[in-house]
Amino acid sequence: MCAETRAWCVAFGRNCNVRYRTEMEEIFTFIEEITKRLSRPIKDLDDIRHAMAALKEIRDREIMIDMSIGPIEVRGLDVPTVLASRITGLHARSV
């Protein structure tokens, strides 16, 4: 019974790892894309429109991103060091 419970916990942990790593990679990709779009020099009104559209996308996804990052910080989960530093960097950018 104990072995079965441990096996279930390990399988559950792996599935959570895959799911949430995928979500985090999507967030990182989104932020990298938006950062590139916002780093472009603004020369005319069209550039301003593009920047404003990027800022609107950030506002639209802000709650979803905060809800995804928050549980990792609150639960104190055992997260690999590389991923933890990326999450910390993400949170620092959003503040």
C-alpha atoms as a PDB file:
ATOM      1  CA  MET A   1       0.000   0.000   0.000  1.00  0.00           C
ATOM      2  CA  CYS A   2       2.799   2.462   0.883  1.00  0.00           C
ATOM      3  CA  ALA A   3       4.710   1.582  -2.275  1.00  0.00           C
ATOM      4  CA  GLU A   4       1.590   2.129  -4.353  1.00  0.00           C
ATOM      5  CA  THR A   5       1.013   5.514  -2.702  1.00  0.00           C
ATOM      6  CA  ARG A   6       4.613   6.574  -3.343  1.00  0.00           C
ATOM      7  CA  ALA A   7       4.367   5.459  -6.967  1.00  0.00           C
ATOM      8  CA  TRP A   8       1.154   7.448  -7.355  1.00  0.00           C
ATOM      9  CA  CYS A   9       2.772  10.546  -5.798  1.00  0.00           C
ATOM     10  CA  VAL A  10       5.769  10.255  -8.133  1.00  0.00           C
ATOM     11  CA  ALA A  11       3.500   9.875 -11.179  1.00  0.00           C
ATOM     12  CA  PHE A  12       1.378  12.816 -10.041  1.00  0.00           C
ATOM     13  CA  GLY A  13       4.502  14.937  -9.520  1.00  0.00           C
ATOM     14  CA  ARG A  14       5.774  14.121 -13.008  1.00  0.00           C
ATOM     15  CA  ASN A  15       2.446  15.020 -14.584  1.00  0.00           C
ATOM     16  CA  CYS A  16       2.314  18.315 -12.676  1.00  0.00           C
ATOM     17  CA  ASN A  17       5.884  19.054 -13.708  1.00  0.00           C
ATOM     18  CA  VAL A  18       5.081  18.543 -17.394  1.00  0.00           C
ATOM     19  CA  ARG A  19       1.874  20.580 -17.246  1.00  0.00           C
ATOM     20  CA  TYR A  20       3.232  23.549 -15.342  1.00  0.00           C
ATOM     21  CA  ARG A  21       6.560  23.617 -17.146  1.00  0.00           C
ATOM     22  CA  THR A  22       4.599  23.932 -20.397  1.00  0.00           C
ATOM     23  CA  GLU A  23       2.549  26.794 -18.945  1.00  0.00           C
ATOM     24  CA  MET A  24       5.687  28.571 -17.733  1.00  0.00           C
ATOM     25  CA  GLU A  25       7.396  28.175 -21.113  1.00  0.00           C
ATOM     26  CA  GLU A  26       4.351  29.741 -22.764  1.00  0.00           C
ATOM     27  CA  ILE A  27       4.576  32.694 -20.361  1.00  0.00           C
ATOM     28  CA  PHE A  28       8.321  33.093 -20.982  1.00  0.00           C
ATOM     29  CA  THR A  29       7.761  33.010 -24.751  1.00  0.00           C
ATOM     30  CA  PHE A  30       4.995  35.620 -24.477  1.00  0.00           C
ATOM     31  CA  ILE A  31       7.170  37.935 -22.383  1.00  0.00           C
ATOM     32  CA  GLU A  32      10.152  37.578 -24.721  1.00  0.00           C
ATOM     33  CA  GLU A  33       7.935  38.358 -27.730  1.00  0.00           C
ATOM     34  CA  ILE A  34       6.386  41.406 -26.056  1.00  0.00           C
ATOM     35  CA  THR A  35       9.805  42.634 -24.910  1.00  0.00           C
ATOM     36  CA  LYS A  36      11.057  42.526 -28.492  1.00  0.00           C
ATOM     37  CA  ARG A  37       7.986  44.379 -29.732  1.00  0.00           C
ATOM     38  CA  LEU A  38       8.304  47.080 -27.081  1.00  0.00           C
ATOM     39  CA  SER A  39      12.061  47.537 -27.642  1.00  0.00           C
ATOM     40  CA  ARG A  40      11.586  48.731 -31.190  1.00  0.00           C
ATOM     41  CA  PRO A  41      12.209  52.437 -31.669  1.00  0.00           C
ATOM     42  CA  ILE A  42       9.110  54.604 -32.046  1.00  0.00           C
ATOM     43  CA  LYS A  43       9.343  56.774 -35.135  1.00  0.00           C
ATOM     44  CA  ASP A  44       5.735  57.435 -36.154  1.00  0.00           C
ATOM     45  CA  LEU A  45       2.105  56.903 -35.169  1.00  0.00           C
ATOM     46  CA  ASP A  46       2.070  53.377 -36.535  1.00  0.00           C
ATOM     47  CA  ASP A  47       4.865  52.433 -34.136  1.00  0.00           C
ATOM     48  CA  ILE A  48       2.854  53.927 -31.276  1.00  0.00           C
ATOM     49  CA  ARG A  49      -0.162  51.844 -32.295  1.00  0.00           C
ATOM     50  CA  HIS A  50       1.958  48.686 -32.234  1.00  0.00           C
ATOM     51  CA  ALA A  51       3.336  49.560 -28.800  1.00  0.00           C
ATOM     52  CA  MET A  52      -0.148  50.274 -27.456  1.00  0.00           C
ATOM     53  CA  ALA A  53      -1.412  46.963 -28.842  1.00  0.00           C
ATOM     54  CA  ALA A  54       1.448  45.153 -27.075  1.00  0.00           C
ATOM     55  CA  LEU A  55       0.608  46.902 -23.799  1.00  0.00           C
ATOM     56  CA  LYS A  56      -3.044  45.888 -24.206  1.00  0.00           C
ATOM     57  CA  GLU A  57      -1.977  42.257 -24.636  1.00  0.00           C
ATOM     58  CA  ILE A  58       0.020  42.502 -21.422  1.00  0.00           C
ATOM     59  CA  ARG A  59      -2.987  43.907 -19.542  1.00  0.00           C
ATOM     60  CA  ASP A  60      -5.236  41.190 -20.981  1.00  0.00           C
ATOM     61  CA  ARG A  61      -2.912  38.396 -19.811  1.00  0.00           C
ATOM     62  CA  GLU A  62      -1.713  39.955 -16.561  1.00  0.00           C
ATOM     63  CA  ILE A  63      -4.183  38.183 -14.282  1.00  0.00           C
ATOM     64  CA  MET A  64      -3.578  34.805 -15.938  1.00  0.00           C
ATOM     65  CA  ILE A  65       0.176  35.210 -15.546  1.00  0.00           C
ATOM     66  CA  ASP A  66      -0.112  36.285 -11.910  1.00  0.00           C
ATOM     67  CA  MET A  67      -2.396  33.343 -11.181  1.00  0.00           C
ATOM     68  CA  SER A  68       0.135  30.979 -12.760  1.00  0.00           C
ATOM     69  CA  ILE A  69       3.156  32.351 -10.908  1.00  0.00           C
ATOM     70  CA  GLY A  70       1.490  32.868  -7.519  1.00  0.00           C
ATOM     71  CA  PRO A  71       0.867  29.197  -6.649  1.00  0.00           C
ATOM     72  CA  ILE A  72       4.542  28.341  -7.136  1.00  0.00           C
ATOM     73  CA  GLU A  73       5.605  31.032  -4.686  1.00  0.00           C
ATOM     74  CA  VAL A  74       2.861  30.318  -2.138  1.00  0.00           C
ATOM     75  CA  ARG A  75       3.269  26.565  -1.969  1.00  0.00           C
ATOM     76  CA  GLY A  76       7.030  26.634  -1.740  1.00  0.00           C
ATOM     77  CA  LEU A  77       7.286  23.789  -4.210  1.00  0.00           C
ATOM     78  CA  ASP A  78      10.590  22.136  -4.945  1.00  0.00           C
ATOM     79  CA  VAL A  79      11.430  23.791  -8.245  1.00  0.00           C
ATOM     80  CA  PRO A  80      14.736  23.268 -10.098  1.00  0.00           C
ATOM     81  CA  THR A  81      17.161  26.157  -9.535  1.00  0.00           C
ATOM     82  CA  VAL A  82      17.237  27.269 -13.185  1.00  0.00           C
ATOM     83  CA  LEU A  83      13.454  27.432 -13.385  1.00  0.00           C
ATOM     84  CA  ALA A  84      13.218  29.125  -9.984  1.00  0.00           C
ATOM     85  CA  SER A  85      15.554  31.906 -11.102  1.00  0.00           C
ATOM     86  CA  ARG A  86      13.484  32.435 -14.255  1.00  0.00           C
ATOM     87  CA  ILE A  87      10.309  32.613 -12.157  1.00  0.00           C
ATOM     88  CA  THR A  88      11.920  35.100  -9.775  1.00  0.00           C
ATOM     89  CA  GLY A  89      13.020  37.207 -12.726  1.00  0.00           C
ATOM     90  CA  LEU A  90       9.522  37.063 -14.147  1.00  0.00           C
ATOM     91  CA  HIS A  91       7.994  38.197 -10.874  1.00  0.00           C
ATOM     92  CA  ALA A  92      10.529  41.031 -10.547  1.00  0.00           C
ATOM     93  CA  ARG A  93       9.632  42.274 -14.028  1.00  0.00           C
ATOM     94  CA  SER A  94       5.913  42.289 -13.250  1.00  0.00           C
ATOM     95  CA  VAL A  95       6.285  44.412 -10.109  1.00  0.00           C
END
